[in-house]
Structures are given as structure tokens and as C-alpha cells.
Protein backbone atom coordinates (compact mmCIF):
# COMPACT_ATOMS: atom_id res chain seq x y z
CA MET A 1 -9.44 -2.91 -2.18
CA ILE A 2 -12.40 -0.56 -2.38
CA ALA A 3 -10.71 2.15 -0.38
CA ARG A 4 -7.54 2.05 -2.42
CA THR A 5 -9.47 2.23 -5.68
CA ALA A 6 -11.46 5.16 -4.40
CA MET A 7 -8.42 7.11 -3.32
CA GLU A 8 -6.63 6.54 -6.61
CA SER A 9 -9.66 7.92 -8.46
CA ASP A 10 -9.61 11.11 -6.38
CA ARG A 11 -8.99 13.35 -9.37
CA PRO A 12 -11.99 15.29 -10.67
CA THR A 13 -13.34 14.07 -13.98
CA GLN A 14 -15.51 15.79 -16.55
CA PRO A 15 -18.30 13.41 -17.61
CA THR A 16 -20.36 14.32 -20.62
CA ASP A 17 -23.60 14.20 -18.65
CA VAL A 18 -25.07 13.21 -15.31
CA THR A 19 -25.94 9.71 -16.52
CA THR A 20 -22.33 8.98 -17.41
CA TRP A 21 -21.13 10.21 -14.06
CA MET A 22 -23.73 8.16 -12.19
CA ALA A 23 -22.73 5.03 -14.08
CA SER A 24 -19.08 5.58 -13.25
CA VAL A 25 -19.72 5.41 -9.51
CA SER A 26 -22.57 2.89 -9.42
CA PHE A 27 -20.21 -0.08 -9.02
CA LEU A 28 -18.53 1.60 -6.05
CA VAL A 29 -21.92 2.29 -4.47
CA LEU A 30 -22.99 -1.34 -4.81
CA ARG A 31 -19.73 -2.63 -3.35
CA LEU A 32 -19.95 -0.32 -0.35
CA SER A 33 -23.65 -0.99 0.15
CA SER A 34 -22.99 -4.74 0.24
CA ASN A 35 -20.74 -4.24 3.26
CA PHE A 36 -23.43 -2.29 5.06
CA PHE A 37 -26.17 -4.78 4.14
CA ARG A 38 -24.04 -7.58 5.57
CA ASP A 39 -24.29 -5.80 8.92
CA GLY A 40 -28.07 -5.73 8.79
CA CYS A 41 -28.24 -2.11 7.63
CA ARG A 42 -30.77 -2.74 4.91
CA GLY A 43 -32.13 0.77 5.12
CA VAL A 44 -28.86 2.50 4.28
CA PRO A 45 -29.39 4.96 1.42
CA ALA A 46 -26.86 4.82 -1.40
CA LEU A 47 -28.23 7.84 -3.25
CA PRO A 48 -26.07 10.45 -1.48
CA PHE A 49 -23.05 8.95 -3.26
CA LEU A 50 -24.73 9.70 -6.55
CA ALA A 51 -25.63 13.19 -5.43
CA VAL A 52 -22.13 14.44 -4.68
CA ALA A 53 -20.12 15.38 -7.74
CA ALA A 54 -16.48 15.98 -6.89
CA GLY A 55 -15.94 19.12 -8.88
CA THR A 56 -17.83 17.87 -11.94
CA GLY A 57 -20.82 20.15 -11.74
CA ALA A 58 -23.15 17.16 -11.89
CA ASP A 59 -24.63 18.17 -8.53
CA LYS A 60 -26.28 21.14 -10.22
CA ALA A 61 -28.54 18.78 -12.12
CA MET A 62 -29.44 16.83 -8.97
CA PRO A 63 -32.48 17.49 -6.78
CA ARG A 64 -31.41 19.45 -3.74
CA PHE A 65 -32.90 16.92 -1.30
CA LEU A 66 -30.20 14.48 -2.39
CA LEU A 67 -27.47 16.81 -1.15
CA GLY A 68 -28.22 16.23 2.52
CA TRP A 69 -24.55 15.85 3.43
CA GLY A 70 -23.28 18.80 1.45
CA ARG A 71 -20.95 18.81 -1.48
CA ALA A 72 -17.64 16.94 -1.06
CA ASP A 73 -14.63 18.31 -2.91
CA THR A 74 -12.83 14.98 -3.03
CA ALA A 75 -13.69 11.30 -2.92
CA SER A 76 -12.04 10.96 0.49
CA LYS A 77 -14.27 13.71 1.95
CA LEU A 78 -17.25 11.96 0.41
CA PHE A 79 -16.37 8.74 2.23
CA THR A 80 -15.94 10.56 5.53
CA ALA A 81 -19.14 12.62 5.18
CA TYR A 82 -21.23 9.59 4.30
CA GLY A 83 -19.72 7.48 7.08
CA ASN A 84 -20.34 10.21 9.64
CA SER A 85 -23.93 10.60 8.50
CA LEU A 86 -24.55 6.87 8.96
CA GLN A 87 -23.08 6.97 12.44
CA ARG A 88 -25.33 9.93 13.35
CA THR A 89 -28.36 7.83 12.44
CA GLY A 90 -27.20 5.08 14.78
CA LEU A 91 -26.05 2.70 12.06
CA ARG A 92 -22.71 0.98 12.42
CA VAL A 93 -20.23 1.35 9.59
CA ARG A 94 -18.45 -1.97 9.39
CA CYS A 95 -15.99 -1.21 6.59
CA GLU A 96 -13.28 0.19 8.85
CA VAL A 97 -10.60 0.09 6.19
CA VAL A 98 -12.66 2.29 3.88
CA ASN A 99 -13.10 4.84 6.64
CA GLY A 100 -9.46 4.53 7.66
CA MET A 101 -8.09 4.99 4.17
CA ALA A 102 -10.46 7.89 3.53
CA LYS A 103 -8.77 9.81 6.32
CA GLY A 104 -5.51 10.29 4.53
CA ASN A 105 -3.75 7.18 3.25
CA GLY A 106 -4.28 8.26 -0.34
CA ARG A 107 -2.22 11.42 0.18
CA MET A 108 0.95 9.80 1.43
CA ASP A 109 4.27 11.20 0.27
CA PRO A 110 6.26 8.05 -0.64
CA ALA A 111 9.67 9.69 -0.16
CA ARG A 112 8.88 10.97 3.33
CA ALA A 113 7.11 7.74 4.27
CA LEU A 114 10.10 5.61 3.27
CA ALA A 115 12.48 7.89 5.16
CA LEU A 116 10.28 7.52 8.22
CA LEU A 117 9.90 3.74 7.85
CA TRP A 118 13.63 3.23 7.59
CA ARG A 119 14.33 5.95 10.19
CA ILE A 120 16.59 7.79 7.76
CA GLU A 121 15.48 11.19 9.01
CA GLN A 122 16.83 12.21 12.40
CA GLU A 123 14.45 12.56 15.32
CA PRO A 124 13.40 16.18 15.95
CA THR A 125 15.55 18.00 18.49
CA ARG A 126 13.78 18.82 21.73
CA PRO A 127 13.26 22.53 22.31
CA SER A 128 15.49 24.13 24.91
CA ARG A 129 12.42 25.63 26.57
CA GLY A 130 9.04 24.20 27.40
CA PRO A 131 8.05 20.75 28.65
CA ARG A 132 10.20 17.77 27.81
CA GLN A 133 7.66 15.61 26.05
CA GLY A 134 9.94 12.63 25.44
CA LEU A 135 8.26 11.81 22.13
CA THR A 136 9.84 9.49 19.60
CA VAL A 137 8.53 7.92 16.41
CA ASP A 138 8.65 4.48 18.03
CA ARG A 139 6.60 5.64 21.01
CA ILE A 140 3.98 7.22 18.76
CA VAL A 141 3.77 4.08 16.64
CA ARG A 142 3.38 1.79 19.64
CA THR A 143 0.61 3.99 21.03
CA ALA A 144 -1.20 3.94 17.70
CA ILE A 145 -0.93 0.15 17.53
CA SER A 146 -2.51 -0.23 20.96
CA ILE A 147 -5.44 1.97 19.87
CA ALA A 148 -5.95 0.04 16.62
CA ASP A 149 -5.77 -3.28 18.49
CA ALA A 150 -8.45 -2.16 20.94
CA GLU A 151 -10.78 -0.15 18.71
CA GLY A 152 -9.95 -0.93 15.10
CA LEU A 153 -8.16 1.07 12.45
CA GLY A 154 -11.24 3.15 11.73
CA ALA A 155 -11.01 4.67 15.21
CA LEU A 156 -7.41 5.78 14.75
CA SER A 157 -6.71 9.49 14.44
CA MET A 158 -3.79 11.73 15.25
CA ARG A 159 -5.86 13.35 17.98
CA LYS A 160 -6.66 9.99 19.58
CA VAL A 161 -2.97 8.99 19.50
CA ALA A 162 -1.97 12.29 21.10
CA GLU A 163 -4.29 11.92 24.09
CA PRO A 164 -2.52 9.06 25.95
CA LEU A 165 0.82 10.67 25.14
CA GLY A 166 -0.27 13.86 26.88
CA VAL A 167 0.45 16.11 23.91
CA SER A 168 -1.51 17.94 21.25
CA ALA A 169 -2.22 16.37 17.87
CA MET A 170 -0.11 19.08 16.24
CA SER A 171 2.91 17.91 18.25
CA LEU A 172 2.80 14.54 16.50
CA TYR A 173 3.23 16.10 13.07
CA THR A 174 6.77 17.08 14.07
CA TYR A 175 7.58 13.37 14.14
CA VAL A 176 5.07 11.80 11.70
CA PRO A 177 3.85 13.66 8.59
CA GLY A 178 0.32 12.28 8.83
CA ARG A 179 -2.00 9.39 9.50
CA ALA A 180 -1.11 7.56 6.30
CA GLU A 181 2.59 7.44 7.17
CA LEU A 182 1.72 6.44 10.73
CA VAL A 183 -0.37 3.47 9.55
CA ASN A 184 2.48 2.36 7.30
CA CYS A 185 4.87 2.45 10.27
CA MET A 186 2.38 0.52 12.40
CA LEU A 187 2.15 -2.24 9.81
CA ASP A 188 5.90 -2.62 9.51
CA ASP A 189 6.30 -2.58 13.29
CA VAL A 190 3.93 -5.51 13.86
CA LEU A 191 5.42 -7.45 10.95
CA GLY A 192 8.61 -7.40 13.00
CA GLU A 193 6.88 -9.95 15.24
CA ALA A 194 7.23 -12.59 12.50
CA PRO A 195 9.41 -15.54 13.55
CA SER A 196 12.84 -16.13 12.05
CA LEU A 197 13.04 -18.93 9.46
CA ARG A 198 16.81 -19.37 9.55
CA ASP A 199 16.92 -22.59 11.59
CA ALA A 200 13.87 -24.21 9.94
CA ASP A 201 14.38 -27.80 8.80
CA GLY A 202 13.69 -27.45 5.09
CA TRP A 203 11.37 -25.32 2.98
CA ARG A 204 8.14 -26.94 4.25
CA ALA A 205 8.96 -26.37 7.89
CA ALA A 206 9.94 -22.80 7.03
CA LEU A 207 6.62 -22.09 5.28
CA GLU A 208 4.71 -23.68 8.16
CA ARG A 209 6.44 -21.37 10.62
CA TYR A 210 5.96 -18.41 8.30
CA ALA A 211 2.20 -19.04 7.92
CA ARG A 212 1.62 -19.70 11.62
CA GLY A 213 3.55 -16.58 12.50
CA GLY A 214 1.41 -14.56 10.11
CA MET A 215 -1.77 -15.95 11.62
CA ASP A 216 -0.55 -15.13 15.12
CA ILE A 217 0.13 -11.53 14.06
CA ALA A 218 -3.34 -11.26 12.55
CA ARG A 219 -4.96 -12.56 15.74
CA ARG A 220 -3.08 -10.06 17.87
CA HIS A 221 -3.70 -7.22 15.41
CA PRO A 222 -6.97 -7.83 13.48
CA TRP A 223 -6.50 -4.62 11.46
CA VAL A 224 -3.42 -5.99 9.68
CA PRO A 225 -4.77 -8.43 7.02
CA PRO A 226 -6.56 -5.82 4.86
CA LEU A 227 -3.49 -3.56 4.90
CA VAL A 228 -1.16 -6.33 3.75
CA SER A 229 -3.13 -6.59 0.52
CA SER A 230 -3.09 -2.85 -0.15
CA ARG A 231 -0.39 -0.66 -1.66
CA MET A 232 1.75 -0.09 1.41
CA LEU A 233 5.44 0.78 1.35
CA MET A 234 7.91 -1.82 2.55
CA GLY A 235 9.84 -1.05 5.70
CA PRO A 236 12.82 -2.90 7.18
CA ASN A 237 10.75 -5.55 8.97
CA GLU A 238 8.63 -6.45 5.96
CA THR A 239 11.72 -6.46 3.75
CA ALA A 240 13.49 -8.86 6.13
CA MET A 241 10.39 -11.06 6.23
CA TRP A 242 10.28 -11.31 2.44
CA ASP A 243 14.00 -11.99 2.24
CA GLY A 244 13.65 -14.76 4.80
CA VAL A 245 10.75 -16.59 3.16
CA LEU A 246 12.24 -16.32 -0.34
CA GLY A 247 15.53 -17.59 1.04
CA ALA A 248 13.71 -20.63 2.43
CA LEU A 249 12.58 -21.45 -1.12
CA ALA A 250 15.97 -20.90 -2.74
CA GLY A 251 17.44 -24.05 -4.17
CA VAL A 252 14.26 -26.16 -4.16
CA GLY A 253 14.04 -26.15 -7.95
CA LEU A 254 11.53 -23.35 -8.55
CA ASP A 255 12.39 -20.35 -10.68
CA GLU A 256 12.10 -16.83 -9.29
CA ARG A 257 8.57 -16.25 -10.55
CA GLU A 258 7.33 -19.51 -9.02
CA MET A 259 9.02 -18.68 -5.74
CA LEU A 260 7.14 -15.40 -5.62
CA CYS A 261 3.87 -17.11 -6.53
CA VAL A 262 4.35 -19.63 -3.73
CA VAL A 263 4.77 -16.85 -1.17
CA HIS A 264 1.70 -15.06 -2.51
CA LEU A 265 -0.26 -18.32 -2.29
CA VAL A 266 0.65 -18.84 1.36
CA ASN A 267 0.01 -15.17 2.16
CA GLY A 268 -3.40 -15.38 0.53
CA TYR A 269 -4.36 -18.44 2.52
CA VAL A 270 -3.26 -16.88 5.81
CA ARG A 271 -4.98 -13.60 5.03
CA GLY A 272 -8.25 -15.36 4.13
CA ALA A 273 -8.18 -17.51 7.25
CA ALA A 274 -7.37 -14.50 9.41
CA GLN A 275 -10.23 -12.49 7.94
CA GLN A 276 -12.66 -15.36 8.50
CA SER A 277 -11.59 -15.52 12.12
CA ALA A 278 -11.96 -11.76 12.53
CA ASP A 279 -15.40 -11.83 10.88
CA ALA A 280 -16.53 -14.59 13.23
CA ASP A 281 -15.38 -12.61 16.27
CA HIS A 282 -17.13 -9.53 14.91
CA ASP A 283 -20.37 -11.45 14.40
CA VAL A 284 -20.27 -12.71 17.99
CA ARG A 285 -19.80 -9.16 19.32
CA ARG A 286 -22.46 -7.70 17.04
CA ALA A 287 -25.14 -10.32 17.64
CA GLY A 288 -24.26 -11.05 21.26
CA LEU A 289 -24.50 -14.78 20.49
CA SER A 290 -21.86 -17.48 20.36
CA TYR A 291 -21.76 -19.76 17.32
CA ASP A 292 -23.54 -22.52 19.26
CA GLU A 293 -26.26 -20.12 20.41
CA TRP A 294 -26.74 -18.77 16.91
CA TYR A 295 -26.93 -22.29 15.46
CA GLU A 296 -29.54 -23.33 18.02
CA LYS A 297 -31.74 -20.43 16.93
CA THR A 298 -31.28 -20.71 13.17
CA GLY A 299 -30.67 -24.45 12.65
CA PRO A 300 -34.29 -25.62 13.05
CA LEU A 301 -35.49 -22.83 10.74
CA LEU A 302 -33.01 -23.75 8.03
CA GLU A 303 -33.90 -27.43 8.26
CA ARG A 304 -37.44 -26.55 7.19
CA MET A 305 -36.13 -24.77 4.09
CA ILE A 306 -33.49 -27.29 2.97
CA SER A 307 -35.02 -30.38 1.38
CA ALA A 308 -33.15 -33.47 0.17
CA GLU A 309 -35.02 -33.37 -3.12
CA ARG A 310 -33.89 -29.85 -3.96
CA PHE A 311 -30.45 -29.82 -2.31
CA PRO A 312 -29.34 -33.47 -2.06
CA ASP A 313 -25.60 -32.97 -1.52
CA LEU A 314 -25.97 -30.12 0.94
CA THR A 315 -28.57 -32.09 2.88
CA LYS A 316 -26.22 -35.06 3.18
CA VAL A 317 -23.46 -32.89 4.62
CA TRP A 318 -25.94 -31.01 6.81
CA ARG A 319 -27.29 -34.21 8.33
CA ALA A 320 -23.75 -35.37 9.06
CA GLY A 321 -23.69 -32.61 11.69
CA VAL A 322 -20.52 -30.90 10.51
CA PHE A 323 -22.22 -27.50 10.32
CA GLU A 324 -22.88 -27.64 14.03
CA GLU A 325 -19.14 -27.20 14.65
CA PRO A 326 -17.27 -26.58 11.37
CA GLY A 327 -13.78 -26.87 12.85
CA GLU A 328 -14.43 -29.93 15.01
CA GLY A 329 -12.05 -32.75 14.22
CA LEU A 330 -9.69 -30.39 12.39
CA GLY A 331 -7.80 -29.14 15.43
CA SER A 332 -8.30 -26.41 17.99
CA ASP A 333 -7.46 -23.81 15.34
CA GLY A 334 -10.75 -24.39 13.52
CA GLY A 335 -9.16 -26.00 10.49
CA PHE A 336 -6.35 -23.51 9.82
CA GLU A 337 -3.67 -26.17 10.09
CA TYR A 338 -5.66 -28.59 7.95
CA GLY A 339 -5.93 -26.04 5.14
CA LEU A 340 -2.28 -25.02 5.47
CA GLN A 341 -1.11 -28.59 5.04
CA ARG A 342 -3.21 -28.98 1.88
CA VAL A 343 -1.66 -25.80 0.46
CA LEU A 344 1.81 -27.11 1.26
CA ASP A 345 0.96 -30.49 -0.27
CA GLY A 346 0.24 -28.72 -3.53
CA ILE A 347 3.51 -26.80 -3.37
CA GLU A 348 5.40 -30.01 -2.60
CA GLU A 349 3.85 -31.71 -5.62
CA ARG A 350 4.91 -28.81 -7.84
CA ILE A 351 8.47 -28.95 -6.54
CA ALA A 352 8.58 -32.70 -7.17
CA ARG A 353 7.27 -32.21 -10.71
CA ARG A 354 9.88 -29.58 -11.44
CA ALA A 355 12.58 -31.93 -10.19
CA ALA A 356 11.31 -34.68 -12.51
CA GLU A 357 11.38 -32.28 -15.46
CA ARG A 358 15.05 -31.46 -14.98
CA PRO A 359 17.31 -33.35 -17.33
CA ALA A 360 19.56 -35.97 -15.77
CA PRO A 361 23.18 -34.85 -15.30
């Protein structure tokens, strides 16, 4: 993930010259800019990234007009400053995970986070005087989840979580060390919604239930898929989920490495399908047009550009009408089940091949 890479490179470096430093961040600039361009923000300047040297001294060699957002001491502050500047100009920053991670996930204390995830530390004792706030870690986590569900992970802050609870943001730090630990608890909490696989009829039925459950979680909580692929700590719910799905594959003839690869394969398919669904919903909200409305506007224009002589195979598929409704004929889920079955077919073939390779008793 972009955000994770940026946070792990938070340490100041000492490049030999400005050119070296600029080259070292150019890839990051292009990756971030591509997200903004995809949202129609073609006028977004990338130069401020190049103008902020996190403790390297490179900013001294830069023209002052490039330092419009001030000097950032760390990469995370750079992300936040640049994102805020874009929002002030009226441009929408789509990459919520980058903004979310830049607000603290890179500074998580693993020991404290694990203790919080597994509820090893005792809840703080209420003071004998003052209002009885009734706060608990679970209540804070559930409130944060509702905010992320409604507004996205980028909108989540300790202050915003404190408001519906009727307390100050500082009160939350008695229970949760910071935003990074809170996000980790949120992820594990929603993964607890995964269905049990214990009574599934065989490994295929178990993986079907596992994948559908994951897709359901992603639909209820669109902020989850990007986090699952990042370096998050495992809590009790995620641990139980992994134990369950690996247990469903035990005894089918795959070795431990293949079992793990199978789970990663299914997870990757679900995560990709979930992100596609979230992107489609986002596009509808951003453009204010349904897919059918968008197709009616753009279809005739594209037909003028796509010729059978230049693009014969695409033209054949285009004229078949399948682009008008990509998921039609593949189920009400837009083809998720169709793709899942093809993934499972491949796994089944591998299991059968492994069985054929085993020597006869």
C-alpha cells in the first residue's frame, strides 16, 4: 500500500544532492497523483511533494514559491498538509486510506495494540468524583465503526469519535492509546461478523461461505478491504477466522504452504471484488449518474472511436451488448459468484492433482 510504504520510510535520509532526493520520491508522487487524476483532478500540483524535505535540508535549495504548505518534519505531516491544501482548494481527496494512515497508523506501539486487541489490559477505573462517563473500549470501537461506515476512514479522528460519546477527545486516550490502535480494534471487531465454517459440508462449501461472508463484511464496511491487505495486528476475531478457514482445508491433501496460498487466493479475489463494488458506488455518488445513465451518455461517443478494423475483438464483444450491463446473466451479485466458482474450480483441480500424485498405499 502507498500509505504503508510512506509511513515506513518516515525516517529522515541524507541524500547527496537535491536531484537524488527528488528521484527518491518521484515514484510516490506519481502513484498519489494517479489517484487524484482518476477523480478528475487533473490540475492537482505534485510539486509541493518535491519541495518539502523531511529534515534533509533539500528545501534550502528549492525556490520559496514551492514551499506554499510549509516545511513538514515527517512524511506523515507531509501527507496531511498536502491533503488539507487540496481540500481547501475545493478538490476532493479520494485516497482515504493514505489520509487515514497519515494520521497515526505508522506510530502504533505493537505491544500496547496487541494488549488492547486481546483486552489483556484492564479497563480504566472510573474516578470517584466527576461525571460517570460509562466509557469502555468496546463502546468507543463501535462508535468509531459507525463513523467510518458513514463517512469513510479518512473522516475518522479521536475528536469525531468523542463527540457522539459526549466526552472530550483526551478522555478517549485513557482507553485507547491512539487512532492507529483504534483502527486495528475496529478491523478485528468487524471481522468477528464472519460466519462459522464448522458445520460446512466439505472444504468447497466452507470456502464459499468464507468468501461470501467476507464480501458481506466489505459491503457493510467499505473501509475494510484496504486495511486487510496492510500490516495490521491480528486480534482474537481475525485469529479465529484464520484458524477456521485453515481447518476447513486440513486433510484435503495440500501441504501447509499450499493451504496458506489457497486462503490468500480467495482473500485476494474477495478483496478485489469488494473494491470494484466500492469504486462503482463511489463513481455513482461522485458523478450523480447511475451506470445506465452514464452508459447512455458515453456509449454513442465511444462507438465512434472504436472501429472493427482497429479493435476487432473488442468490437465483437461490444456489439454483443455485454458492456451495457456487465453483470447481467451472471447473477444479482454482478458476477461475484461466477468468479468465485471459477477460483474454487482451480483449487479443486489442484487438490485432485495432488491426490493423483500420492503413491498408492
